[in-house]
Each structure stands twice: as C-alpha cells, then as structure tokens.
Amino acid sequence: MAKNNLRDKLDGDELDLSMMSLTEVPVKDIAALPRATKIDLSNNQLTILPSNFATALSNITRVDLSSNKLKELPSNINHLQNLQYLDLYNNQVCKATSLSLLRCLCYVL
C-alpha cells in the first residue's frame, strides 16, 4: 500500500484502514506516519500480526482489530507501551498473556 494512499486515510491522529480487505498490516507504511497513534484495522481479513507490528508501531495508543481472523498476538506485543485501548472482538485469539505487561492498557475488548 502506498504511503500517499495512507495519508488520505489519516484524519488528525486517526488512521482508518477498516473494511479494506487487508490480508496483512502495512506496518512500514503506517510507521512512516508517526502522527497516526489511533489505528482502525477492523473488518479486514487479517490472520496474523507481523512480528515487527509492536516494535515498529510503538507510538500507538489505540488499535481496533475487531472482526478479523486473528488467532494469536505477537509475543512482543508488550512493546506497545503507550497502548491504552485494544479491540479484539470477533477474532479467535485464545491466549494473550503478554497483555498483562502493558501498564497503560485500560480497555481490552
């Protein structure tokens, strides 16, 4: 996905990539937009988050991953130290032990 296309989806600090039939997260392109701290990836076809998701996007405070096909979270998810809100509704995630290490996380759905 081209960075210019992502800029069109950016409104203030919110990046809306919902309902785009994404099968993978464009981590490199999102990381190029440091202003994007709230990311909506809901209603896509994501089955896995790449291993660099948490390290490359450590500035995010809110991420909506609802209504995807995720089965697990990357083991380094605890690198999202600023994350306050995580929506995993309507996925198949069974185990999320690393989330307990996120001290800013207030809401998990």
PDB file of N, CA and C in Angstrom:
ATOM      1  N   MET A   1       0.851  -1.175   0.000  1.00  0.00           N
ATOM      2  CA  MET A   1       0.000   0.000   0.000  1.00  0.00           C
ATOM      3  C   MET A   1       0.897   1.239   0.000  1.00  0.00           C
ATOM      4  N   ALA A   2       0.649   2.167  -0.863  1.00  0.00           N
ATOM      5  CA  ALA A   2       1.467   3.367  -0.976  1.00  0.00           C
ATOM      6  C   ALA A   2       1.206   4.325   0.178  1.00  0.00           C
ATOM      7  N   LYS A   3       2.272   4.981   0.610  1.00  0.00           N
ATOM      8  CA  LYS A   3       2.171   5.913   1.733  1.00  0.00           C
ATOM      9  C   LYS A   3       1.176   7.038   1.443  1.00  0.00           C
ATOM     10  N   ASN A   4       1.131   7.494   0.199  1.00  0.00           N
ATOM     11  CA  ASN A   4       0.189   8.558  -0.152  1.00  0.00           C
ATOM     12  C   ASN A   4      -1.251   8.107   0.045  1.00  0.00           C
ATOM     13  N   ASN A   5      -1.543   6.847  -0.264  1.00  0.00           N
ATOM     14  CA  ASN A   5      -2.885   6.318  -0.045  1.00  0.00           C
ATOM     15  C   ASN A   5      -3.222   6.327   1.439  1.00  0.00           C
ATOM     16  N   LEU A   6      -2.248   6.023   2.275  1.00  0.00           N
ATOM     17  CA  LEU A   6      -2.479   6.031   3.718  1.00  0.00           C
ATOM     18  C   LEU A   6      -2.732   7.440   4.233  1.00  0.00           C
ATOM     19  N   ARG A   7      -2.047   8.410   3.688  1.00  0.00           N
ATOM     20  CA  ARG A   7      -2.271   9.800   4.120  1.00  0.00           C
ATOM     21  C   ARG A   7      -3.713  10.223   3.892  1.00  0.00           C
ATOM     22  N   ASP A   8      -4.318   9.701   2.836  1.00  0.00           N
ATOM     23  CA  ASP A   8      -5.723  10.003   2.558  1.00  0.00           C
ATOM     24  C   ASP A   8      -6.639   9.425   3.627  1.00  0.00           C
ATOM     25  N   LYS A   9      -6.181   8.395   4.312  1.00  0.00           N
ATOM     26  CA  LYS A   9      -6.974   7.727   5.354  1.00  0.00           C
ATOM     27  C   LYS A   9      -6.701   8.301   6.742  1.00  0.00           C
ATOM     28  N   LEU A  10      -5.785   9.259   6.826  1.00  0.00           N
ATOM     29  CA  LEU A  10      -5.393   9.856   8.104  1.00  0.00           C
ATOM     30  C   LEU A  10      -6.218  11.103   8.387  1.00  0.00           C
ATOM     31  N   ASP A  11      -6.856  11.117   9.546  1.00  0.00           N
ATOM     32  CA  ASP A  11      -7.641  12.270   9.983  1.00  0.00           C
ATOM     33  C   ASP A  11      -7.153  12.647  11.369  1.00  0.00           C
ATOM     34  N   GLY A  12      -6.330  13.676  11.452  1.00  0.00           N
ATOM     35  CA  GLY A  12      -5.701  14.033  12.725  1.00  0.00           C
ATOM     36  C   GLY A  12      -4.722  12.947  13.125  1.00  0.00           C
ATOM     37  N   ASP A  13      -4.981  12.294  14.266  1.00  0.00           N
ATOM     38  CA  ASP A  13      -4.110  11.205  14.704  1.00  0.00           C
ATOM     39  C   ASP A  13      -4.740   9.834  14.470  1.00  0.00           C
ATOM     40  N   GLU A  14      -5.863   9.798  13.736  1.00  0.00           N
ATOM     41  CA  GLU A  14      -6.587   8.544  13.498  1.00  0.00           C
ATOM     42  C   GLU A  14      -6.409   8.068  12.058  1.00  0.00           C
ATOM     43  N   LEU A  15      -5.957   6.840  11.935  1.00  0.00           N
ATOM     44  CA  LEU A  15      -5.762   6.217  10.634  1.00  0.00           C
ATOM     45  C   LEU A  15      -6.807   5.123  10.465  1.00  0.00           C
ATOM     46  N   ASP A  16      -7.695   5.295   9.499  1.00  0.00           N
ATOM     47  CA  ASP A  16      -8.798   4.364   9.294  1.00  0.00           C
ATOM     48  C   ASP A  16      -8.503   3.444   8.111  1.00  0.00           C
ATOM     49  N   LEU A  17      -8.137   2.209   8.430  1.00  0.00           N
ATOM     50  CA  LEU A  17      -7.884   1.194   7.407  1.00  0.00           C
ATOM     51  C   LEU A  17      -8.916   0.072   7.512  1.00  0.00           C
ATOM     52  N   SER A  18     -10.071   0.399   8.040  1.00  0.00           N
ATOM     53  CA  SER A  18     -11.124  -0.598   8.203  1.00  0.00           C
ATOM     54  C   SER A  18     -11.787  -0.912   6.860  1.00  0.00           C
ATOM     55  N   MET A  19     -12.335  -2.106   6.781  1.00  0.00           N
ATOM     56  CA  MET A  19     -13.102  -2.560   5.615  1.00  0.00           C
ATOM     57  C   MET A  19     -12.352  -2.384   4.297  1.00  0.00           C
ATOM     58  N   MET A  20     -11.073  -2.733   4.295  1.00  0.00           N
ATOM     59  CA  MET A  20     -10.273  -2.626   3.077  1.00  0.00           C
ATOM     60  C   MET A  20      -9.830  -3.992   2.559  1.00  0.00           C
ATOM     61  N   SER A  21     -10.350  -5.049   3.145  1.00  0.00           N
ATOM     62  CA  SER A  21      -9.990  -6.426   2.762  1.00  0.00           C
ATOM     63  C   SER A  21      -8.486  -6.686   2.869  1.00  0.00           C
ATOM     64  N   LEU A  22      -7.842  -6.040   3.828  1.00  0.00           N
ATOM     65  CA  LEU A  22      -6.408  -6.251   4.030  1.00  0.00           C
ATOM     66  C   LEU A  22      -6.149  -7.668   4.533  1.00  0.00           C
ATOM     67  N   THR A  23      -5.118  -8.294   3.986  1.00  0.00           N
ATOM     68  CA  THR A  23      -4.713  -9.612   4.468  1.00  0.00           C
ATOM     69  C   THR A  23      -3.426  -9.509   5.293  1.00  0.00           C
ATOM     70  N   GLU A  24      -2.791  -8.361   5.232  1.00  0.00           N
ATOM     71  CA  GLU A  24      -1.616  -8.107   6.068  1.00  0.00           C
ATOM     72  C   GLU A  24      -1.576  -6.637   6.447  1.00  0.00           C
ATOM     73  N   VAL A  25      -0.949  -6.365   7.565  1.00  0.00           N
ATOM     74  CA  VAL A  25      -0.850  -4.991   8.066  1.00  0.00           C
ATOM     75  C   VAL A  25       0.318  -4.295   7.367  1.00  0.00           C
ATOM     76  N   PRO A  26       0.077  -3.143   6.747  1.00  0.00           N
ATOM     77  CA  PRO A  26       1.164  -2.408   6.090  1.00  0.00           C
ATOM     78  C   PRO A  26       2.014  -1.646   7.119  1.00  0.00           C
ATOM     79  N   VAL A  27       2.745  -2.391   7.934  1.00  0.00           N
ATOM     80  CA  VAL A  27       3.481  -1.829   9.067  1.00  0.00           C
ATOM     81  C   VAL A  27       4.440  -0.733   8.639  1.00  0.00           C
ATOM     82  N   LYS A  28       5.205  -0.986   7.604  1.00  0.00           N
ATOM     83  CA  LYS A  28       6.203   0.001   7.155  1.00  0.00           C
ATOM     84  C   LYS A  28       5.544   1.318   6.757  1.00  0.00           C
ATOM     85  N   ASP A  29       4.439   1.234   6.057  1.00  0.00           N
ATOM     86  CA  ASP A  29       3.728   2.440   5.621  1.00  0.00           C
ATOM     87  C   ASP A  29       3.097   3.176   6.797  1.00  0.00           C
ATOM     88  N   ILE A  30       2.543   2.428   7.743  1.00  0.00           N
ATOM     89  CA  ILE A  30       1.952   3.058   8.931  1.00  0.00           C
ATOM     90  C   ILE A  30       3.029   3.720   9.765  1.00  0.00           C
ATOM     91  N   ALA A  31       4.166   3.059   9.913  1.00  0.00           N
ATOM     92  CA  ALA A  31       5.278   3.614  10.703  1.00  0.00           C
ATOM     93  C   ALA A  31       5.795   4.918  10.100  1.00  0.00           C
ATOM     94  N   ALA A  32       5.615   5.098   8.806  1.00  0.00           N
ATOM     95  CA  ALA A  32       6.053   6.333   8.132  1.00  0.00           C
ATOM     96  C   ALA A  32       5.129   7.507   8.449  1.00  0.00           C
ATOM     97  N   LEU A  33       4.044   7.240   9.162  1.00  0.00           N
ATOM     98  CA  LEU A  33       3.101   8.282   9.566  1.00  0.00           C
ATOM     99  C   LEU A  33       3.076   8.356  11.100  1.00  0.00           C
ATOM    100  N   PRO A  34       4.101   8.929  11.714  1.00  0.00           N
ATOM    101  CA  PRO A  34       4.190   8.921  13.185  1.00  0.00           C
ATOM    102  C   PRO A  34       3.031   9.642  13.875  1.00  0.00           C
ATOM    103  N   ARG A  35       2.329  10.491  13.158  1.00  0.00           N
ATOM    104  CA  ARG A  35       1.179  11.191  13.732  1.00  0.00           C
ATOM    105  C   ARG A  35       0.015  10.234  14.003  1.00  0.00           C
ATOM    106  N   ALA A  36      -0.006   9.113  13.297  1.00  0.00           N
ATOM    107  CA  ALA A  36      -1.077   8.122  13.454  1.00  0.00           C
ATOM    108  C   ALA A  36      -0.860   7.333  14.741  1.00  0.00           C
ATOM    109  N   THR A  37      -1.602   7.678  15.770  1.00  0.00           N
ATOM    110  CA  THR A  37      -1.493   6.965  17.041  1.00  0.00           C
ATOM    111  C   THR A  37      -2.733   6.131  17.340  1.00  0.00           C
ATOM    112  N   LYS A  38      -3.782   6.325  16.554  1.00  0.00           N
ATOM    113  CA  LYS A  38      -5.019   5.544  16.691  1.00  0.00           C
ATOM    114  C   LYS A  38      -5.277   4.890  15.340  1.00  0.00           C
ATOM    115  N   ILE A  39      -5.262   3.557  15.334  1.00  0.00           N
ATOM    116  CA  ILE A  39      -5.344   2.833  14.075  1.00  0.00           C
ATOM    117  C   ILE A  39      -6.533   1.880  14.089  1.00  0.00           C
ATOM    118  N   ASP A  40      -7.357   2.002  13.067  1.00  0.00           N
ATOM    119  CA  ASP A  40      -8.516   1.130  12.920  1.00  0.00           C
ATOM    120  C   ASP A  40      -8.243   0.142  11.786  1.00  0.00           C
ATOM    121  N   LEU A  41      -8.060  -1.109  12.158  1.00  0.00           N
ATOM    122  CA  LEU A  41      -7.839  -2.190  11.197  1.00  0.00           C
ATOM    123  C   LEU A  41      -8.997  -3.187  11.236  1.00  0.00           C
ATOM    124  N   SER A  42     -10.137  -2.739  11.693  1.00  0.00           N
ATOM    125  CA  SER A  42     -11.276  -3.638  11.857  1.00  0.00           C
ATOM    126  C   SER A  42     -11.872  -4.060  10.519  1.00  0.00           C
ATOM    127  N   ASN A  43     -12.577  -5.184  10.568  1.00  0.00           N
ATOM    128  CA  ASN A  43     -13.301  -5.692   9.402  1.00  0.00           C
ATOM    129  C   ASN A  43     -12.416  -5.881   8.181  1.00  0.00           C
ATOM    130  N   ASN A  44     -11.299  -6.553   8.399  1.00  0.00           N
ATOM    131  CA  ASN A  44     -10.402  -6.925   7.312  1.00  0.00           C
ATOM    132  C   ASN A  44     -10.281  -8.446   7.299  1.00  0.00           C
ATOM    133  N   GLN A  45      -9.253  -8.948   6.676  1.00  0.00           N
ATOM    134  CA  GLN A  45      -9.019 -10.397   6.567  1.00  0.00           C
ATOM    135  C   GLN A  45      -7.698 -10.782   7.229  1.00  0.00           C
ATOM    136  N   LEU A  46      -7.326 -10.080   8.289  1.00  0.00           N
ATOM    137  CA  LEU A  46      -6.044 -10.322   8.950  1.00  0.00           C
ATOM    138  C   LEU A  46      -6.079 -11.637   9.719  1.00  0.00           C
ATOM    139  N   THR A  47      -5.079 -12.477   9.492  1.00  0.00           N
ATOM    140  CA  THR A  47      -4.977 -13.744  10.210  1.00  0.00           C
ATOM    141  C   THR A  47      -3.820 -13.731  11.202  1.00  0.00           C
ATOM    142  N   ILE A  48      -2.885 -12.810  11.001  1.00  0.00           N
ATOM    143  CA  ILE A  48      -1.710 -12.723  11.864  1.00  0.00           C
ATOM    144  C   ILE A  48      -1.201 -11.282  11.862  1.00  0.00           C
ATOM    145  N   LEU A  49      -0.630 -10.877  12.977  1.00  0.00           N
ATOM    146  CA  LEU A  49       0.060  -9.588  13.036  1.00  0.00           C
ATOM    147  C   LEU A  49       1.533  -9.875  12.835  1.00  0.00           C
ATOM    148  N   PRO A  50       2.206  -9.110  11.986  1.00  0.00           N
ATOM    149  CA  PRO A  50       3.620  -9.371  11.742  1.00  0.00           C
ATOM    150  C   PRO A  50       4.454  -9.175  13.005  1.00  0.00           C
ATOM    151  N   SER A  51       5.585  -9.830  13.068  1.00  0.00           N
ATOM    152  CA  SER A  51       6.428  -9.768  14.261  1.00  0.00           C
ATOM    153  C   SER A  51       6.942  -8.361  14.546  1.00  0.00           C
ATOM    154  N   ASN A  52       7.026  -7.511  13.515  1.00  0.00           N
ATOM    155  CA  ASN A  52       7.503  -6.136  13.729  1.00  0.00           C
ATOM    156  C   ASN A  52       6.366  -5.160  14.047  1.00  0.00           C
ATOM    157  N   PHE A  53       5.151  -5.641  14.189  1.00  0.00           N
ATOM    158  CA  PHE A  53       4.000  -4.785  14.464  1.00  0.00           C
ATOM    159  C   PHE A  53       4.228  -3.939  15.716  1.00  0.00           C
ATOM    160  N   ALA A  54       4.573  -4.558  16.804  1.00  0.00           N
ATOM    161  CA  ALA A  54       4.718  -3.852  18.083  1.00  0.00           C
ATOM    162  C   ALA A  54       5.961  -2.972  18.136  1.00  0.00           C
ATOM    163  N   THR A  55       7.046  -3.416  17.566  1.00  0.00           N
ATOM    164  CA  THR A  55       8.276  -2.621  17.633  1.00  0.00           C
ATOM    165  C   THR A  55       8.233  -1.428  16.682  1.00  0.00           C
ATOM    166  N   ALA A  56       7.663  -1.609  15.501  1.00  0.00           N
ATOM    167  CA  ALA A  56       7.609  -0.524  14.512  1.00  0.00           C
ATOM    168  C   ALA A  56       6.530   0.500  14.841  1.00  0.00           C
ATOM    169  N   LEU A  57       5.497   0.073  15.575  1.00  0.00           N
ATOM    170  CA  LEU A  57       4.365   0.961  15.857  1.00  0.00           C
ATOM    171  C   LEU A  57       4.234   1.240  17.351  1.00  0.00           C
ATOM    172  N   SER A  58       5.336   1.388  18.020  1.00  0.00           N
ATOM    173  CA  SER A  58       5.341   1.537  19.479  1.00  0.00           C
ATOM    174  C   SER A  58       4.661   2.819  19.965  1.00  0.00           C
ATOM    175  N   ASN A  59       4.374   3.759  19.063  1.00  0.00           N
ATOM    176  CA  ASN A  59       3.734   5.020  19.456  1.00  0.00           C
ATOM    177  C   ASN A  59       2.210   4.934  19.522  1.00  0.00           C
ATOM    178  N   ILE A  60       1.610   3.841  19.066  1.00  0.00           N
ATOM    179  CA  ILE A  60       0.151   3.803  19.009  1.00  0.00           C
ATOM    180  C   ILE A  60      -0.469   3.697  20.405  1.00  0.00           C
ATOM    181  N   THR A  61      -1.603   4.374  20.550  1.00  0.00           N
ATOM    182  CA  THR A  61      -2.330   4.373  21.824  1.00  0.00           C
ATOM    183  C   THR A  61      -3.638   3.597  21.719  1.00  0.00           C
ATOM    184  N   ARG A  62      -4.103   3.399  20.500  1.00  0.00           N
ATOM    185  CA  ARG A  62      -5.387   2.731  20.301  1.00  0.00           C
ATOM    186  C   ARG A  62      -5.326   1.928  19.009  1.00  0.00           C
ATOM    187  N   VAL A  63      -5.776   0.672  19.073  1.00  0.00           N
ATOM    188  CA  VAL A  63      -5.835  -0.139  17.860  1.00  0.00           C
ATOM    189  C   VAL A  63      -7.100  -0.998  17.898  1.00  0.00           C
ATOM    190  N   ASP A  64      -7.832  -0.926  16.810  1.00  0.00           N
ATOM    191  CA  ASP A  64      -9.055  -1.700  16.651  1.00  0.00           C
ATOM    192  C   ASP A  64      -8.777  -2.805  15.641  1.00  0.00           C
ATOM    193  N   LEU A  65      -8.763  -4.034  16.129  1.00  0.00           N
ATOM    194  CA  LEU A  65      -8.527  -5.203  15.293  1.00  0.00           C
ATOM    195  C   LEU A  65      -9.772  -6.085  15.222  1.00  0.00           C
ATOM    196  N   SER A  66     -10.895  -5.538  15.596  1.00  0.00           N
ATOM    197  CA  SER A  66     -12.124  -6.336  15.652  1.00  0.00           C
ATOM    198  C   SER A  66     -12.525  -6.855  14.277  1.00  0.00           C
ATOM    199  N   SER A  67     -13.217  -7.985  14.306  1.00  0.00           N
ATOM    200  CA  SER A  67     -13.766  -8.609  13.093  1.00  0.00           C
ATOM    201  C   SER A  67     -12.717  -8.908  12.041  1.00  0.00           C
ATOM    202  N   ASN A  68     -11.672  -9.575  12.487  1.00  0.00           N
ATOM    203  CA  ASN A  68     -10.654 -10.120  11.597  1.00  0.00           C
ATOM    204  C   ASN A  68     -10.631 -11.624  11.830  1.00  0.00           C
ATOM    205  N   LYS A  69      -9.535 -12.256  11.515  1.00  0.00           N
ATOM    206  CA  LYS A  69      -9.403 -13.706  11.693  1.00  0.00           C
ATOM    207  C   LYS A  69      -8.160 -14.039  12.506  1.00  0.00           C
ATOM    208  N   LEU A  70      -7.829 -13.160  13.447  1.00  0.00           N
ATOM    209  CA  LEU A  70      -6.628 -13.349  14.253  1.00  0.00           C
ATOM    210  C   LEU A  70      -6.796 -14.518  15.217  1.00  0.00           C
ATOM    211  N   LYS A  71      -5.749 -15.321  15.341  1.00  0.00           N
ATOM    212  CA  LYS A  71      -5.762 -16.444  16.268  1.00  0.00           C
ATOM    213  C   LYS A  71      -4.790 -16.226  17.420  1.00  0.00           C
ATOM    214  N   GLU A  72      -3.799 -15.370  17.195  1.00  0.00           N
ATOM    215  CA  GLU A  72      -2.823 -15.090  18.239  1.00  0.00           C
ATOM    216  C   GLU A  72      -2.233 -13.702  18.047  1.00  0.00           C
ATOM    217  N   LEU A  73      -1.614 -13.214  19.089  1.00  0.00           N
ATOM    218  CA  LEU A  73      -0.929 -11.922  19.049  1.00  0.00           C
ATOM    219  C   LEU A  73       0.570 -12.181  19.051  1.00  0.00           C
ATOM    220  N   PRO A  74       1.356 -11.276  18.476  1.00  0.00           N
ATOM    221  CA  PRO A  74       2.801 -11.487  18.507  1.00  0.00           C
ATOM    222  C   PRO A  74       3.309 -11.506  19.952  1.00  0.00           C
ATOM    223  N   SER A  75       4.325 -12.288  20.204  1.00  0.00           N
ATOM    224  CA  SER A  75       4.844 -12.430  21.565  1.00  0.00           C
ATOM    225  C   SER A  75       5.419 -11.124  22.103  1.00  0.00           C
ATOM    226  N   ASN A  76       5.801 -10.218  21.211  1.00  0.00           N
ATOM    227  CA  ASN A  76       6.377  -8.942  21.640  1.00  0.00           C
ATOM    228  C   ASN A  76       5.344  -7.823  21.702  1.00  0.00           C
ATOM    229  N   ILE A  77       4.080  -8.172  21.790  1.00  0.00           N
ATOM    230  CA  ILE A  77       3.006  -7.169  21.856  1.00  0.00           C
ATOM    231  C   ILE A  77       3.216  -6.205  23.027  1.00  0.00           C
ATOM    232  N   ASN A  78       3.952  -6.652  24.029  1.00  0.00           N
ATOM    233  CA  ASN A  78       4.228  -5.811  25.197  1.00  0.00           C
ATOM    234  C   ASN A  78       5.115  -4.609  24.875  1.00  0.00           C
ATOM    235  N   HIS A  79       5.639  -4.518  23.662  1.00  0.00           N
ATOM    236  CA  HIS A  79       6.408  -3.336  23.254  1.00  0.00           C
ATOM    237  C   HIS A  79       5.509  -2.139  22.963  1.00  0.00           C
ATOM    238  N   LEU A  80       4.221  -2.353  22.911  1.00  0.00           N
ATOM    239  CA  LEU A  80       3.276  -1.253  22.695  1.00  0.00           C
ATOM    240  C   LEU A  80       3.004  -0.567  24.037  1.00  0.00           C
ATOM    241  N   GLN A  81       4.015   0.040  24.596  1.00  0.00           N
ATOM    242  CA  GLN A  81       3.951   0.585  25.949  1.00  0.00           C
ATOM    243  C   GLN A  81       2.978   1.748  26.117  1.00  0.00           C
ATOM    244  N   ASN A  82       2.574   2.389  25.024  1.00  0.00           N
ATOM    245  CA  ASN A  82       1.625   3.501  25.108  1.00  0.00           C
ATOM    246  C   ASN A  82       0.190   3.070  24.827  1.00  0.00           C
ATOM    247  N   LEU A  83      -0.008   1.794  24.524  1.00  0.00           N
ATOM    248  CA  LEU A  83      -1.324   1.298  24.153  1.00  0.00           C
ATOM    249  C   LEU A  83      -2.298   1.391  25.323  1.00  0.00           C
ATOM    250  N   GLN A  84      -3.423   2.050  25.083  1.00  0.00           N
ATOM    251  CA  GLN A  84      -4.460   2.231  26.105  1.00  0.00           C
ATOM    252  C   GLN A  84      -5.723   1.455  25.775  1.00  0.00           C
ATOM    253  N   TYR A  85      -5.952   1.171  24.500  1.00  0.00           N
ATOM    254  CA  TYR A  85      -7.202   0.554  24.054  1.00  0.00           C
ATOM    255  C   TYR A  85      -6.893  -0.472  22.972  1.00  0.00           C
ATOM    256  N   LEU A  86      -7.402  -1.677  23.158  1.00  0.00           N
ATOM    257  CA  LEU A  86      -7.195  -2.746  22.189  1.00  0.00           C
ATOM    258  C   LEU A  86      -8.512  -3.478  21.987  1.00  0.00           C
ATOM    259  N   ASP A  87      -9.002  -3.490  20.760  1.00  0.00           N
ATOM    260  CA  ASP A  87     -10.254  -4.165  20.455  1.00  0.00           C
ATOM    261  C   ASP A  87      -9.950  -5.419  19.633  1.00  0.00           C
ATOM    262  N   LEU A  88     -10.222  -6.573  20.225  1.00  0.00           N
ATOM    263  CA  LEU A  88     -10.020  -7.865  19.570  1.00  0.00           C
ATOM    264  C   LEU A  88     -11.339  -8.600  19.353  1.00  0.00           C
ATOM    265  N   TYR A  89     -12.440  -7.898  19.508  1.00  0.00           N
ATOM    266  CA  TYR A  89     -13.762  -8.511  19.385  1.00  0.00           C
ATOM    267  C   TYR A  89     -13.912  -9.232  18.040  1.00  0.00           C
ATOM    268  N   ASN A  90     -14.575 -10.355  18.075  1.00  0.00           N
ATOM    269  CA  ASN A  90     -14.880 -11.142  16.888  1.00  0.00           C
ATOM    270  C   ASN A  90     -13.623 -11.618  16.161  1.00  0.00           C
ATOM    271  N   ASN A  91     -12.664 -12.117  16.938  1.00  0.00           N
ATOM    272  CA  ASN A  91     -11.482 -12.795  16.438  1.00  0.00           C
ATOM    273  C   ASN A  91     -11.440 -14.155  17.119  1.00  0.00           C
ATOM    274  N   GLN A  92     -10.372 -14.866  16.942  1.00  0.00           N
ATOM    275  CA  GLN A  92     -10.244 -16.190  17.540  1.00  0.00           C
ATOM    276  C   GLN A  92      -9.031 -16.272  18.459  1.00  0.00           C
ATOM    277  N   VAL A  93      -8.649 -15.149  19.048  1.00  0.00           N
ATOM    278  CA  VAL A  93      -7.484 -15.115  19.932  1.00  0.00           C
ATOM    279  C   VAL A  93      -7.822 -15.856  21.226  1.00  0.00           C
ATOM    280  N   CYS A  94      -7.033 -16.857  21.521  1.00  0.00           N
ATOM    281  CA  CYS A  94      -7.274 -17.674  22.722  1.00  0.00           C
ATOM    282  C   CYS A  94      -6.347 -17.286  23.865  1.00  0.00           C
ATOM    283  N   LYS A  95      -5.163 -16.822  23.534  1.00  0.00           N
ATOM    284  CA  LYS A  95      -4.146 -16.582  24.547  1.00  0.00           C
ATOM    285  C   LYS A  95      -3.517 -15.207  24.315  1.00  0.00           C
ATOM    286  N   ALA A  96      -3.514 -14.395  25.340  1.00  0.00           N
ATOM    287  CA  ALA A  96      -2.943 -13.042  25.230  1.00  0.00           C
ATOM    288  C   ALA A  96      -2.219 -12.691  26.525  1.00  0.00           C
ATOM    289  N   THR A  97      -1.313 -13.546  26.945  1.00  0.00           N
ATOM    290  CA  THR A  97      -0.643 -13.362  28.228  1.00  0.00           C
ATOM    291  C   THR A  97       0.246 -12.123  28.277  1.00  0.00           C
ATOM    292  N   SER A  98       0.821 -11.725  27.163  1.00  0.00           N
ATOM    293  CA  SER A  98       1.715 -10.560  27.141  1.00  0.00           C
ATOM    294  C   SER A  98       0.995  -9.256  27.442  1.00  0.00           C
ATOM    295  N   LEU A  99      -0.316  -9.235  27.318  1.00  0.00           N
ATOM    296  CA  LEU A  99      -1.069  -8.002  27.555  1.00  0.00           C
ATOM    297  C   LEU A  99      -0.956  -7.528  28.995  1.00  0.00           C
ATOM    298  N   SER A 100      -0.728  -8.421  29.920  1.00  0.00           N
ATOM    299  CA  SER A 100      -0.624  -8.034  31.325  1.00  0.00           C
ATOM    300  C   SER A 100       0.595  -7.150  31.583  1.00  0.00           C
ATOM    301  N   LEU A 101       1.536  -7.127  30.662  1.00  0.00           N
ATOM    302  CA  LEU A 101       2.737  -6.300  30.807  1.00  0.00           C
ATOM    303  C   LEU A 101       2.544  -4.869  30.306  1.00  0.00           C
ATOM    304  N   LEU A 102       1.405  -4.593  29.712  1.00  0.00           N
ATOM    305  CA  LEU A 102       1.132  -3.259  29.177  1.00  0.00           C
ATOM    306  C   LEU A 102       0.514  -2.398  30.269  1.00  0.00           C
ATOM    307  N   ARG A 103       1.311  -1.548  30.874  1.00  0.00           N
ATOM    308  CA  ARG A 103       0.862  -0.786  32.040  1.00  0.00           C
ATOM    309  C   ARG A 103      -0.138   0.319  31.709  1.00  0.00           C
ATOM    310  N   CYS A 104      -0.156   0.820  30.472  1.00  0.00           N
ATOM    311  CA  CYS A 104      -1.096   1.882  30.085  1.00  0.00           C
ATOM    312  C   CYS A 104      -2.427   1.327  29.584  1.00  0.00           C
ATOM    313  N   LEU A 105      -2.478   0.031  29.304  1.00  0.00           N
ATOM    314  CA  LEU A 105      -3.676  -0.556  28.713  1.00  0.00           C
ATOM    315  C   LEU A 105      -4.844  -0.505  29.699  1.00  0.00           C
ATOM    316  N   CYS A 106      -5.904   0.179  29.293  1.00  0.00           N
ATOM    317  CA  CYS A 106      -7.092   0.333  30.134  1.00  0.00           C
ATOM    318  C   CYS A 106      -8.264  -0.493  29.626  1.00  0.00           C
ATOM    319  N   TYR A 107      -8.387  -0.629  28.312  1.00  0.00           N
ATOM    320  CA  TYR A 107      -9.550  -1.289  27.721  1.00  0.00           C
ATOM    321  C   TYR A 107      -9.108  -2.365  26.744  1.00  0.00           C
ATOM    322  N   VAL A 108      -9.598  -3.567  26.971  1.00  0.00           N
ATOM    323  CA  VAL A 108      -9.417  -4.677  26.051  1.00  0.00           C
ATOM    324  C   VAL A 108     -10.796  -5.247  25.774  1.00  0.00           C
ATOM    325  N   LEU A 109     -11.175  -5.269  24.543  1.00  0.00           N
ATOM    326  CA  LEU A 109     -12.472  -5.826  24.158  1.00  0.00           C
ATOM    327  C   LEU A 109     -12.263  -7.100  23.377  1.00  0.00           C
TER     328      LEU A 109
END
